[in-house]
PDB file of N, CA and C in Angstrom:
ATOM      1  N   MET A   1     -17.344 -81.196  83.509  1.00  0.00           N
ATOM      2  CA  MET A   1     -18.223 -80.179  84.030  1.00  0.00           C
ATOM      3  C   MET A   1     -19.657 -80.530  83.641  1.00  0.00           C
ATOM      4  N   THR A   2     -20.549 -80.454  84.593  1.00  0.00           N
ATOM      5  CA  THR A   2     -21.942 -80.815  84.345  1.00  0.00           C
ATOM      6  C   THR A   2     -22.686 -79.657  83.669  1.00  0.00           C
ATOM      7  N   GLU A   3     -23.815 -79.990  83.081  1.00  0.00           N
ATOM      8  CA  GLU A   3     -24.641 -78.963  82.443  1.00  0.00           C
ATOM      9  C   GLU A   3     -25.179 -77.984  83.477  1.00  0.00           C
ATOM     10  N   GLN A   4     -25.485 -78.468  84.684  1.00  0.00           N
ATOM     11  CA  GLN A   4     -25.965 -77.588  85.747  1.00  0.00           C
ATOM     12  C   GLN A   4     -24.888 -76.566  86.124  1.00  0.00           C
ATOM     13  N   GLN A   5     -23.637 -77.010  86.204  1.00  0.00           N
ATOM     14  CA  GLN A   5     -22.538 -76.085  86.509  1.00  0.00           C
ATOM     15  C   GLN A   5     -22.370 -75.065  85.387  1.00  0.00           C
ATOM     16  N   LYS A   6     -22.451 -75.530  84.141  1.00  0.00           N
ATOM     17  CA  LYS A   6     -22.345 -74.604  83.010  1.00  0.00           C
ATOM     18  C   LYS A   6     -23.488 -73.598  83.014  1.00  0.00           C
ATOM     19  N   THR A   7     -24.671 -74.039  83.400  1.00  0.00           N
ATOM     20  CA  THR A   7     -25.825 -73.141  83.475  1.00  0.00           C
ATOM     21  C   THR A   7     -25.584 -72.056  84.513  1.00  0.00           C
ATOM     22  N   ARG A   8     -25.037 -72.424  85.667  1.00  0.00           N
ATOM     23  CA  ARG A   8     -24.738 -71.434  86.706  1.00  0.00           C
ATOM     24  C   ARG A   8     -23.679 -70.445  86.235  1.00  0.00           C
ATOM     25  N   ILE A   9     -22.659 -70.952  85.573  1.00  0.00           N
ATOM     26  CA  ILE A   9     -21.584 -70.093  85.070  1.00  0.00           C
ATOM     27  C   ILE A   9     -22.116 -69.178  83.966  1.00  0.00           C
ATOM     28  N   ARG A  10     -22.950 -69.730  83.081  1.00  0.00           N
ATOM     29  CA  ARG A  10     -23.551 -68.924  82.010  1.00  0.00           C
ATOM     30  C   ARG A  10     -24.398 -67.799  82.612  1.00  0.00           C
ATOM     31  N   ALA A  11     -25.147 -68.112  83.663  1.00  0.00           N
ATOM     32  CA  ALA A  11     -25.965 -67.088  84.322  1.00  0.00           C
ATOM     33  C   ALA A  11     -25.087 -65.990  84.912  1.00  0.00           C
ATOM     34  N   ARG A  12     -23.980 -66.381  85.548  1.00  0.00           N
ATOM     35  CA  ARG A  12     -23.046 -65.383  86.096  1.00  0.00           C
ATOM     36  C   ARG A  12     -22.481 -64.501  84.993  1.00  0.00           C
ATOM     37  N   LEU A  13     -22.107 -65.120  83.878  1.00  0.00           N
ATOM     38  CA  LEU A  13     -21.559 -64.355  82.759  1.00  0.00           C
ATOM     39  C   LEU A  13     -22.600 -63.394  82.187  1.00  0.00           C
ATOM     40  N   ASN A  14     -23.825 -63.855  82.027  1.00  0.00           N
ATOM     41  CA  ASN A  14     -24.884 -62.984  81.510  1.00  0.00           C
ATOM     42  C   ASN A  14     -25.148 -61.819  82.452  1.00  0.00           C
ATOM     43  N   GLU A  15     -25.135 -62.070  83.761  1.00  0.00           N
ATOM     44  CA  GLU A  15     -25.304 -60.986  84.736  1.00  0.00           C
ATOM     45  C   GLU A  15     -24.178 -59.968  84.598  1.00  0.00           C
ATOM     46  N   ARG A  16     -22.962 -60.460  84.437  1.00  0.00           N
ATOM     47  CA  ARG A  16     -21.799 -59.582  84.313  1.00  0.00           C
ATOM     48  C   ARG A  16     -21.885 -58.740  83.041  1.00  0.00           C
ATOM     49  N   VAL A  17     -22.256 -59.364  81.936  1.00  0.00           N
ATOM     50  CA  VAL A  17     -22.404 -58.639  80.670  1.00  0.00           C
ATOM     51  C   VAL A  17     -23.475 -57.557  80.812  1.00  0.00           C
ATOM     52  N   ASP A  18     -24.602 -57.899  81.415  1.00  0.00           N
ATOM     53  CA  ASP A  18     -25.672 -56.917  81.602  1.00  0.00           C
ATOM     54  C   ASP A  18     -25.205 -55.742  82.459  1.00  0.00           C
ATOM     55  N   LEU A  19     -24.533 -56.038  83.574  1.00  0.00           N
ATOM     56  CA  LEU A  19     -24.058 -54.984  84.474  1.00  0.00           C
ATOM     57  C   LEU A  19     -23.062 -54.065  83.774  1.00  0.00           C
ATOM     58  N   LEU A  20     -22.085 -54.644  83.101  1.00  0.00           N
ATOM     59  CA  LEU A  20     -21.062 -53.839  82.433  1.00  0.00           C
ATOM     60  C   LEU A  20     -21.648 -53.035  81.279  1.00  0.00           C
ATOM     61  N   THR A  21     -22.622 -53.591  80.591  1.00  0.00           N
ATOM     62  CA  THR A  21     -23.274 -52.866  79.504  1.00  0.00           C
ATOM     63  C   THR A  21     -24.046 -51.669  80.047  1.00  0.00           C
ATOM     64  N   ARG A  22     -24.778 -51.871  81.150  1.00  0.00           N
ATOM     65  CA  ARG A  22     -25.519 -50.752  81.759  1.00  0.00           C
ATOM     66  C   ARG A  22     -24.561 -49.668  82.252  1.00  0.00           C
ATOM     67  N   ARG A  23     -23.448 -50.069  82.853  1.00  0.00           N
ATOM     68  CA  ARG A  23     -22.475 -49.088  83.333  1.00  0.00           C
ATOM     69  C   ARG A  23     -21.894 -48.276  82.183  1.00  0.00           C
ATOM     70  N   ALA A  24     -21.579 -48.946  81.090  1.00  0.00           N
ATOM     71  CA  ALA A  24     -21.005 -48.251  79.937  1.00  0.00           C
ATOM     72  C   ALA A  24     -21.991 -47.249  79.361  1.00  0.00           C
ATOM     73  N   GLN A  25     -23.257 -47.620  79.344  1.00  0.00           N
ATOM     74  CA  GLN A  25     -24.271 -46.709  78.805  1.00  0.00           C
ATOM     75  C   GLN A  25     -24.509 -45.518  79.723  1.00  0.00           C
ATOM     76  N   ALA A  26     -24.313 -45.714  81.019  1.00  0.00           N
ATOM     77  CA  ALA A  26     -24.587 -44.645  81.989  1.00  0.00           C
ATOM     78  C   ALA A  26     -23.409 -43.691  82.182  1.00  0.00           C
ATOM     79  N   LEU A  27     -22.229 -44.094  81.778  1.00  0.00           N
ATOM     80  CA  LEU A  27     -21.043 -43.278  82.012  1.00  0.00           C
ATOM     81  C   LEU A  27     -21.038 -42.061  81.098  1.00  0.00           C
ATOM     82  N   ASP A  28     -20.939 -40.914  81.696  1.00  0.00           N
ATOM     83  CA  ASP A  28     -20.934 -39.644  80.959  1.00  0.00           C
ATOM     84  C   ASP A  28     -19.484 -39.201  80.764  1.00  0.00           C
ATOM     85  N   LEU A  29     -19.048 -39.186  79.521  1.00  0.00           N
ATOM     86  CA  LEU A  29     -17.660 -38.827  79.230  1.00  0.00           C
ATOM     87  C   LEU A  29     -17.521 -37.415  78.663  1.00  0.00           C
ATOM     88  N   THR A  30     -18.524 -36.603  78.852  1.00  0.00           N
ATOM     89  CA  THR A  30     -18.422 -35.224  78.364  1.00  0.00           C
ATOM     90  C   THR A  30     -17.651 -34.369  79.367  1.00  0.00           C
ATOM     91  N   LEU A  31     -16.940 -33.417  78.825  1.00  0.00           N
ATOM     92  CA  LEU A  31     -16.212 -32.459  79.656  1.00  0.00           C
ATOM     93  C   LEU A  31     -17.058 -31.200  79.811  1.00  0.00           C
ATOM     94  N   GLU A  32     -17.182 -30.760  81.028  1.00  0.00           N
ATOM     95  CA  GLU A  32     -17.930 -29.529  81.284  1.00  0.00           C
ATOM     96  C   GLU A  32     -16.973 -28.345  81.190  1.00  0.00           C
ATOM     97  N   HIS A  33     -17.518 -27.232  80.720  1.00  0.00           N
ATOM     98  CA  HIS A  33     -16.727 -25.996  80.666  1.00  0.00           C
ATOM     99  C   HIS A  33     -16.590 -25.449  82.089  1.00  0.00           C
ATOM    100  N   CYS A  34     -15.363 -25.161  82.466  1.00  0.00           N
ATOM    101  CA  CYS A  34     -15.091 -24.646  83.811  1.00  0.00           C
ATOM    102  C   CYS A  34     -14.351 -23.313  83.690  1.00  0.00           C
ATOM    103  N   PRO A  35     -14.925 -22.262  84.240  1.00  0.00           N
ATOM    104  CA  PRO A  35     -14.271 -20.953  84.148  1.00  0.00           C
ATOM    105  C   PRO A  35     -13.041 -20.842  85.045  1.00  0.00           C
ATOM    106  N   ASP A  36     -12.985 -21.617  86.073  1.00  0.00           N
ATOM    107  CA  ASP A  36     -11.912 -21.557  87.058  1.00  0.00           C
ATOM    108  C   ASP A  36     -10.880 -22.656  86.755  1.00  0.00           C
ATOM    109  N   GLU A  37      -9.586 -22.341  86.851  1.00  0.00           N
ATOM    110  CA  GLU A  37      -8.530 -23.318  86.562  1.00  0.00           C
ATOM    111  C   GLU A  37      -8.563 -24.518  87.508  1.00  0.00           C
ATOM    112  N   THR A  38      -8.876 -24.269  88.761  1.00  0.00           N
ATOM    113  CA  THR A  38      -8.951 -25.359  89.734  1.00  0.00           C
ATOM    114  C   THR A  38     -10.103 -26.301  89.389  1.00  0.00           C
ATOM    115  N   ASP A  39     -11.250 -25.740  89.050  1.00  0.00           N
ATOM    116  CA  ASP A  39     -12.391 -26.555  88.642  1.00  0.00           C
ATOM    117  C   ASP A  39     -12.081 -27.326  87.362  1.00  0.00           C
ATOM    118  N   GLN A  40     -11.367 -26.670  86.451  1.00  0.00           N
ATOM    119  CA  GLN A  40     -11.009 -27.321  85.195  1.00  0.00           C
ATOM    120  C   GLN A  40     -10.069 -28.502  85.463  1.00  0.00           C
ATOM    121  N   ALA A  41      -9.111 -28.334  86.361  1.00  0.00           N
ATOM    122  CA  ALA A  41      -8.194 -29.422  86.701  1.00  0.00           C
ATOM    123  C   ALA A  41      -8.959 -30.585  87.333  1.00  0.00           C
ATOM    124  N   SER A  42      -9.899 -30.272  88.201  1.00  0.00           N
ATOM    125  CA  SER A  42     -10.724 -31.318  88.825  1.00  0.00           C
ATOM    126  C   SER A  42     -11.557 -32.043  87.781  1.00  0.00           C
ATOM    127  N   GLU A  43     -12.115 -31.295  86.852  1.00  0.00           N
ATOM    128  CA  GLU A  43     -12.933 -31.890  85.799  1.00  0.00           C
ATOM    129  C   GLU A  43     -12.080 -32.796  84.903  1.00  0.00           C
ATOM    130  N   LEU A  44     -10.874 -32.357  84.571  1.00  0.00           N
ATOM    131  CA  LEU A  44      -9.977 -33.192  83.754  1.00  0.00           C
ATOM    132  C   LEU A  44      -9.562 -34.457  84.495  1.00  0.00           C
ATOM    133  N   ALA A  45      -9.314 -34.353  85.796  1.00  0.00           N
ATOM    134  CA  ALA A  45      -8.964 -35.527  86.598  1.00  0.00           C
ATOM    135  C   ALA A  45     -10.132 -36.507  86.634  1.00  0.00           C
ATOM    136  N   ARG A  46     -11.346 -36.004  86.835  1.00  0.00           N
ATOM    137  CA  ARG A  46     -12.542 -36.855  86.842  1.00  0.00           C
ATOM    138  C   ARG A  46     -12.710 -37.539  85.494  1.00  0.00           C
ATOM    139  N   HIS A  47     -12.509 -36.774  84.436  1.00  0.00           N
ATOM    140  CA  HIS A  47     -12.653 -37.321  83.082  1.00  0.00           C
ATOM    141  C   HIS A  47     -11.619 -38.416  82.823  1.00  0.00           C
ATOM    142  N   SER A  48     -10.394 -38.204  83.252  1.00  0.00           N
ATOM    143  CA  SER A  48      -9.345 -39.214  83.082  1.00  0.00           C
ATOM    144  C   SER A  48      -9.685 -40.492  83.819  1.00  0.00           C
ATOM    145  N   LEU A  49     -10.199 -40.361  85.038  1.00  0.00           N
ATOM    146  CA  LEU A  49     -10.600 -41.540  85.808  1.00  0.00           C
ATOM    147  C   LEU A  49     -11.761 -42.264  85.140  1.00  0.00           C
ATOM    148  N   ASP A  50     -12.719 -41.511  84.629  1.00  0.00           N
ATOM    149  CA  ASP A  50     -13.856 -42.115  83.934  1.00  0.00           C
ATOM    150  C   ASP A  50     -13.398 -42.875  82.687  1.00  0.00           C
ATOM    151  N   LEU A  51     -12.460 -42.291  81.951  1.00  0.00           N
ATOM    152  CA  LEU A  51     -11.932 -42.977  80.764  1.00  0.00           C
ATOM    153  C   LEU A  51     -11.202 -44.265  81.139  1.00  0.00           C
ATOM    154  N   ALA A  52     -10.406 -44.217  82.200  1.00  0.00           N
ATOM    155  CA  ALA A  52      -9.699 -45.414  82.655  1.00  0.00           C
ATOM    156  C   ALA A  52     -10.685 -46.490  83.095  1.00  0.00           C
ATOM    157  N   LEU A  53     -11.728 -46.089  83.804  1.00  0.00           N
ATOM    158  CA  LEU A  53     -12.754 -47.035  84.243  1.00  0.00           C
ATOM    159  C   LEU A  53     -13.459 -47.655  83.049  1.00  0.00           C
ATOM    160  N   ARG A  54     -13.801 -46.825  82.073  1.00  0.00           N
ATOM    161  CA  ARG A  54     -14.478 -47.350  80.881  1.00  0.00           C
ATOM    162  C   ARG A  54     -13.584 -48.337  80.133  1.00  0.00           C
ATOM    163  N   GLU A  55     -12.311 -48.032  80.024  1.00  0.00           N
ATOM    164  CA  GLU A  55     -11.386 -48.936  79.336  1.00  0.00           C
ATOM    165  C   GLU A  55     -11.279 -50.271  80.069  1.00  0.00           C
ATOM    166  N   ARG A  56     -11.162 -50.197  81.388  1.00  0.00           N
ATOM    167  CA  ARG A  56     -11.060 -51.420  82.203  1.00  0.00           C
ATOM    168  C   ARG A  56     -12.325 -52.265  82.069  1.00  0.00           C
ATOM    169  N   GLU A  57     -13.474 -51.634  82.207  1.00  0.00           N
ATOM    170  CA  GLU A  57     -14.729 -52.367  82.138  1.00  0.00           C
ATOM    171  C   GLU A  57     -15.023 -52.858  80.723  1.00  0.00           C
ATOM    172  N   SER A  58     -14.537 -52.149  79.728  1.00  0.00           N
ATOM    173  CA  SER A  58     -14.692 -52.604  78.347  1.00  0.00           C
ATOM    174  C   SER A  58     -13.928 -53.911  78.133  1.00  0.00           C
ATOM    175  N   GLY A  59     -12.743 -54.000  78.708  1.00  0.00           N
ATOM    176  CA  GLY A  59     -11.967 -55.241  78.641  1.00  0.00           C
ATOM    177  C   GLY A  59     -12.667 -56.378  79.374  1.00  0.00           C
ATOM    178  N   GLN A  60     -13.247 -56.079  80.529  1.00  0.00           N
ATOM    179  CA  GLN A  60     -13.979 -57.092  81.277  1.00  0.00           C
ATOM    180  C   GLN A  60     -15.207 -57.565  80.506  1.00  0.00           C
ATOM    181  N   LEU A  61     -15.870 -56.649  79.823  1.00  0.00           N
ATOM    182  CA  LEU A  61     -17.032 -57.001  79.016  1.00  0.00           C
ATOM    183  C   LEU A  61     -16.628 -57.930  77.871  1.00  0.00           C
ATOM    184  N   ARG A  62     -15.529 -57.604  77.199  1.00  0.00           N
ATOM    185  CA  ARG A  62     -15.043 -58.470  76.116  1.00  0.00           C
ATOM    186  C   ARG A  62     -14.704 -59.861  76.643  1.00  0.00           C
ATOM    187  N   GLU A  63     -14.051 -59.937  77.814  1.00  0.00           N
ATOM    188  CA  GLU A  63     -13.712 -61.237  78.406  1.00  0.00           C
ATOM    189  C   GLU A  63     -14.961 -62.061  78.695  1.00  0.00           C
ATOM    190  N   ALA A  64     -15.976 -61.422  79.257  1.00  0.00           N
ATOM    191  CA  ALA A  64     -17.220 -62.126  79.581  1.00  0.00           C
ATOM    192  C   ALA A  64     -17.923 -62.599  78.309  1.00  0.00           C
ATOM    193  N   GLN A  65     -17.941 -61.764  77.284  1.00  0.00           N
ATOM    194  CA  GLN A  65     -18.576 -62.146  76.023  1.00  0.00           C
ATOM    195  C   GLN A  65     -17.820 -63.295  75.360  1.00  0.00           C
ATOM    196  N   MET A  66     -16.503 -63.270  75.431  1.00  0.00           N
ATOM    197  CA  MET A  66     -15.705 -64.362  74.856  1.00  0.00           C
ATOM    198  C   MET A  66     -15.941 -65.658  75.624  1.00  0.00           C
ATOM    199  N   ALA A  67     -16.074 -65.568  76.946  1.00  0.00           N
ATOM    200  CA  ALA A  67     -16.357 -66.759  77.756  1.00  0.00           C
ATOM    201  C   ALA A  67     -17.722 -67.335  77.392  1.00  0.00           C
ATOM    202  N   LEU A  68     -18.710 -66.467  77.184  1.00  0.00           N
ATOM    203  CA  LEU A  68     -20.027 -66.949  76.759  1.00  0.00           C
ATOM    204  C   LEU A  68     -19.947 -67.647  75.406  1.00  0.00           C
ATOM    205  N   ALA A  69     -19.117 -67.135  74.529  1.00  0.00           N
ATOM    206  CA  ALA A  69     -18.971 -67.727  73.200  1.00  0.00           C
ATOM    207  C   ALA A  69     -18.314 -69.104  73.253  1.00  0.00           C
ATOM    208  N   ARG A  70     -17.470 -69.341  74.244  1.00  0.00           N
ATOM    209  CA  ARG A  70     -16.774 -70.629  74.301  1.00  0.00           C
ATOM    210  C   ARG A  70     -17.323 -71.582  75.361  1.00  0.00           C
ATOM    211  N   ILE A  71     -18.380 -71.200  76.074  1.00  0.00           N
ATOM    212  CA  ILE A  71     -18.873 -72.016  77.181  1.00  0.00           C
ATOM    213  C   ILE A  71     -19.385 -73.384  76.716  1.00  0.00           C
ATOM    214  N   ASP A  72     -19.870 -73.494  75.498  1.00  0.00           N
ATOM    215  CA  ASP A  72     -20.367 -74.777  75.001  1.00  0.00           C
ATOM    216  C   ASP A  72     -19.273 -75.637  74.371  1.00  0.00           C
ATOM    217  N   SER A  73     -18.075 -75.110  74.337  1.00  0.00           N
ATOM    218  CA  SER A  73     -16.942 -75.881  73.822  1.00  0.00           C
ATOM    219  C   SER A  73     -16.615 -77.013  74.794  1.00  0.00           C
ATOM    220  N   PRO A  74     -16.212 -78.166  74.290  1.00  0.00           N
ATOM    221  CA  PRO A  74     -15.833 -79.260  75.194  1.00  0.00           C
ATOM    222  C   PRO A  74     -14.619 -78.913  76.062  1.00  0.00           C
ATOM    223  N   ARG A  75     -13.817 -77.944  75.647  1.00  0.00           N
ATOM    224  CA  ARG A  75     -12.622 -77.564  76.412  1.00  0.00           C
ATOM    225  C   ARG A  75     -12.893 -76.454  77.429  1.00  0.00           C
ATOM    226  N   PHE A  76     -14.130 -75.964  77.490  1.00  0.00           N
ATOM    227  CA  PHE A  76     -14.442 -74.938  78.478  1.00  0.00           C
ATOM    228  C   PHE A  76     -14.235 -75.527  79.872  1.00  0.00           C
ATOM    229  N   GLY A  77     -13.552 -74.774  80.715  1.00  0.00           N
ATOM    230  CA  GLY A  77     -13.261 -75.253  82.063  1.00  0.00           C
ATOM    231  C   GLY A  77     -11.918 -75.948  82.178  1.00  0.00           C
ATOM    232  N   GLN A  78     -11.211 -76.023  81.052  1.00  0.00           N
ATOM    233  CA  GLN A  78      -9.861 -76.573  81.053  1.00  0.00           C
ATOM    234  C   GLN A  78      -8.867 -75.438  80.843  1.00  0.00           C
ATOM    235  N   CYS A  79      -7.750 -75.504  81.539  1.00  0.00           N
ATOM    236  CA  CYS A  79      -6.710 -74.493  81.433  1.00  0.00           C
ATOM    237  C   CYS A  79      -6.175 -74.454  80.007  1.00  0.00           C
ATOM    238  N   GLU A  80      -6.071 -73.273  79.449  1.00  0.00           N
ATOM    239  CA  GLU A  80      -5.551 -73.131  78.090  1.00  0.00           C
ATOM    240  C   GLU A  80      -4.050 -73.345  78.024  1.00  0.00           C
ATOM    241  N   ASP A  81      -3.392 -73.348  79.173  1.00  0.00           N
ATOM    242  CA  ASP A  81      -1.947 -73.536  79.208  1.00  0.00           C
ATOM    243  C   ASP A  81      -1.566 -75.004  79.391  1.00  0.00           C
ATOM    244  N   CYS A  82      -2.063 -75.618  80.474  1.00  0.00           N
ATOM    245  CA  CYS A  82      -1.640 -76.978  80.809  1.00  0.00           C
ATOM    246  C   CYS A  82      -2.702 -78.034  80.552  1.00  0.00           C
ATOM    247  N   GLY A  83      -3.954 -77.632  80.303  1.00  0.00           N
ATOM    248  CA  GLY A  83      -5.022 -78.581  80.021  1.00  0.00           C
ATOM    249  C   GLY A  83      -5.732 -79.129  81.251  1.00  0.00           C
ATOM    250  N   ALA A  84      -5.288 -78.758  82.454  1.00  0.00           N
ATOM    251  CA  ALA A  84      -5.926 -79.244  83.688  1.00  0.00           C
ATOM    252  C   ALA A  84      -7.299 -78.592  83.868  1.00  0.00           C
ATOM    253  N   ASP A  85      -8.144 -79.256  84.656  1.00  0.00           N
ATOM    254  CA  ASP A  85      -9.441 -78.663  84.979  1.00  0.00           C
ATOM    255  C   ASP A  85      -9.233 -77.411  85.814  1.00  0.00           C
ATOM    256  N   ILE A  86      -9.962 -76.367  85.489  1.00  0.00           N
ATOM    257  CA  ILE A  86      -9.854 -75.110  86.225  1.00  0.00           C
ATOM    258  C   ILE A  86     -10.566 -75.225  87.562  1.00  0.00           C
ATOM    259  N   GLY A  87     -11.682 -75.873  87.594  1.00  0.00           N
ATOM    260  CA  GLY A  87     -12.439 -76.028  88.832  1.00  0.00           C
ATOM    261  C   GLY A  87     -13.659 -75.133  88.815  1.00  0.00           C
ATOM    262  N   THR A  88     -14.773 -75.714  89.222  1.00  0.00           N
ATOM    263  CA  THR A  88     -16.041 -74.998  89.181  1.00  0.00           C
ATOM    264  C   THR A  88     -16.043 -73.783  90.103  1.00  0.00           C
ATOM    265  N   ALA A  89     -15.479 -73.916  91.300  1.00  0.00           N
ATOM    266  CA  ALA A  89     -15.470 -72.794  92.241  1.00  0.00           C
ATOM    267  C   ALA A  89     -14.738 -71.594  91.637  1.00  0.00           C
ATOM    268  N   ARG A  90     -13.616 -71.847  90.984  1.00  0.00           N
ATOM    269  CA  ARG A  90     -12.863 -70.755  90.350  1.00  0.00           C
ATOM    270  C   ARG A  90     -13.655 -70.148  89.201  1.00  0.00           C
ATOM    271  N   LEU A  91     -14.302 -70.998  88.413  1.00  0.00           N
ATOM    272  CA  LEU A  91     -15.094 -70.497  87.291  1.00  0.00           C
ATOM    273  C   LEU A  91     -16.321 -69.715  87.766  1.00  0.00           C
ATOM    274  N   LEU A  92     -16.900 -70.118  88.886  1.00  0.00           N
ATOM    275  CA  LEU A  92     -18.025 -69.357  89.428  1.00  0.00           C
ATOM    276  C   LEU A  92     -17.554 -68.006  89.963  1.00  0.00           C
ATOM    277  N   ALA A  93     -16.369 -67.990  90.563  1.00  0.00           N
ATOM    278  CA  ALA A  93     -15.825 -66.737  91.088  1.00  0.00           C
ATOM    279  C   ALA A  93     -15.390 -65.807  89.968  1.00  0.00           C
ATOM    280  N   ARG A  94     -14.797 -66.373  88.931  1.00  0.00           N
ATOM    281  CA  ARG A  94     -14.342 -65.588  87.783  1.00  0.00           C
ATOM    282  C   ARG A  94     -14.633 -66.381  86.510  1.00  0.00           C
ATOM    283  N   PRO A  95     -15.853 -66.269  86.010  1.00  0.00           N
ATOM    284  CA  PRO A  95     -16.287 -67.107  84.887  1.00  0.00           C
ATOM    285  C   PRO A  95     -15.490 -66.936  83.601  1.00  0.00           C
ATOM    286  N   SER A  96     -14.817 -65.824  83.440  1.00  0.00           N
ATOM    287  CA  SER A  96     -14.077 -65.597  82.193  1.00  0.00           C
ATOM    288  C   SER A  96     -12.646 -66.123  82.255  1.00  0.00           C
ATOM    289  N   THR A  97     -12.251 -66.709  83.383  1.00  0.00           N
ATOM    290  CA  THR A  97     -10.877 -67.181  83.507  1.00  0.00           C
ATOM    291  C   THR A  97     -10.571 -68.285  82.503  1.00  0.00           C
ATOM    292  N   ARG A  98      -9.342 -68.300  82.031  1.00  0.00           N
ATOM    293  CA  ARG A  98      -8.926 -69.294  81.052  1.00  0.00           C
ATOM    294  C   ARG A  98      -7.741 -70.109  81.546  1.00  0.00           C
ATOM    295  N   LEU A  99      -7.253 -69.793  82.749  1.00  0.00           N
ATOM    296  CA  LEU A  99      -6.092 -70.494  83.299  1.00  0.00           C
ATOM    297  C   LEU A  99      -6.419 -71.073  84.662  1.00  0.00           C
ATOM    298  N   CYS A 100      -5.806 -72.212  84.978  1.00  0.00           N
ATOM    299  CA  CYS A 100      -5.938 -72.789  86.313  1.00  0.00           C
ATOM    300  C   CYS A 100      -5.145 -71.923  87.296  1.00  0.00           C
ATOM    301  N   VAL A 101      -5.313 -72.188  88.574  1.00  0.00           N
ATOM    302  CA  VAL A 101      -4.642 -71.390  89.600  1.00  0.00           C
ATOM    303  C   VAL A 101      -3.125 -71.447  89.423  1.00  0.00           C
ATOM    304  N   CYS A 102      -2.602 -72.621  89.157  1.00  0.00           N
ATOM    305  CA  CYS A 102      -1.144 -72.767  89.012  1.00  0.00           C
ATOM    306  C   CYS A 102      -0.607 -71.954  87.830  1.00  0.00           C
ATOM    307  N   CYS A 103      -1.246 -72.081  86.688  1.00  0.00           N
ATOM    308  CA  CYS A 103      -0.774 -71.351  85.505  1.00  0.00           C
ATOM    309  C   CYS A 103      -0.989 -69.851  85.660  1.00  0.00           C
ATOM    310  N   GLN A 104      -2.061 -69.450  86.350  1.00  0.00           N
ATOM    311  CA  GLN A 104      -2.280 -68.026  86.597  1.00  0.00           C
ATOM    312  C   GLN A 104      -1.169 -67.472  87.483  1.00  0.00           C
ATOM    313  N   ALA A 105      -0.781 -68.240  88.514  1.00  0.00           N
ATOM    314  CA  ALA A 105       0.315 -67.811  89.389  1.00  0.00           C
ATOM    315  C   ALA A 105       1.616 -67.719  88.606  1.00  0.00           C
ATOM    316  N   GLU A 106       1.837 -68.691  87.742  1.00  0.00           N
ATOM    317  CA  GLU A 106       3.042 -68.672  86.902  1.00  0.00           C
ATOM    318  C   GLU A 106       3.043 -67.438  86.001  1.00  0.00           C
ATOM    319  N   PHE A 107       1.909 -67.145  85.432  1.00  0.00           N
ATOM    320  CA  PHE A 107       1.783 -65.989  84.555  1.00  0.00           C
ATOM    321  C   PHE A 107       2.043 -64.692  85.311  1.00  0.00           C
ATOM    322  N   GLU A 108       1.471 -64.569  86.513  1.00  0.00           N
ATOM    323  CA  GLU A 108       1.604 -63.342  87.286  1.00  0.00           C
ATOM    324  C   GLU A 108       2.966 -63.169  87.937  1.00  0.00           C
ATOM    325  N   GLN A 109       3.595 -64.266  88.331  1.00  0.00           N
ATOM    326  CA  GLN A 109       4.832 -64.164  89.095  1.00  0.00           C
ATOM    327  C   GLN A 109       6.061 -64.687  88.361  1.00  0.00           C
ATOM    328  N   GLY A 110       5.856 -65.270  87.211  1.00  0.00           N
ATOM    329  CA  GLY A 110       6.986 -65.804  86.469  1.00  0.00           C
ATOM    330  C   GLY A 110       7.550 -67.076  87.079  1.00  0.00           C
ATOM    331  N   LEU A 111       6.711 -67.821  87.801  1.00  0.00           N
ATOM    332  CA  LEU A 111       7.146 -69.069  88.434  1.00  0.00           C
ATOM    333  C   LEU A 111       6.653 -70.256  87.634  1.00  0.00           C
ATOM    334  N   SER A 112       7.242 -71.405  87.879  1.00  0.00           N
ATOM    335  CA  SER A 112       6.777 -72.653  87.284  1.00  0.00           C
ATOM    336  C   SER A 112       5.929 -73.381  88.315  1.00  0.00           C
ATOM    337  N   ALA A 113       4.738 -72.898  88.538  1.00  0.00           N
ATOM    338  CA  ALA A 113       3.885 -73.456  89.595  1.00  0.00           C
ATOM    339  C   ALA A 113       3.300 -74.811  89.213  1.00  0.00           C
ATOM    340  N   CYS A 114       2.983 -75.033  87.952  1.00  0.00           N
ATOM    341  CA  CYS A 114       2.324 -76.281  87.548  1.00  0.00           C
ATOM    342  C   CYS A 114       3.313 -77.399  87.232  1.00  0.00           C
ATOM    343  N   ALA A 115       4.504 -77.047  86.877  1.00  0.00           N
ATOM    344  CA  ALA A 115       5.474 -78.060  86.432  1.00  0.00           C
ATOM    345  C   ALA A 115       6.026 -78.878  87.569  1.00  0.00           C
TER     346      ALA A 115
END
């Protein structure tokens, strides 16, 4: 992987970290007092969705930060499972990925795609 490719991937990761950080700061997780049971149920549903979103985006933020921490490693861009090159296009699309397409498919479907 060239330094120019790593620079592009690093920029994508930094953009992602910035976006997720701003979203986390803007998310209001307070519950409003609702005198009506229907309004209260709606408020609880909204709150549950907001919590799920925050949890999901928190995981994405951690993944992006971990990718930034390992981007200067000589093994960055290599599959952690089989050692094959992940590919620049895949890393640009999902900079925090740690598996090649074959190993990711194997992981998701329980198949031996790379073997």
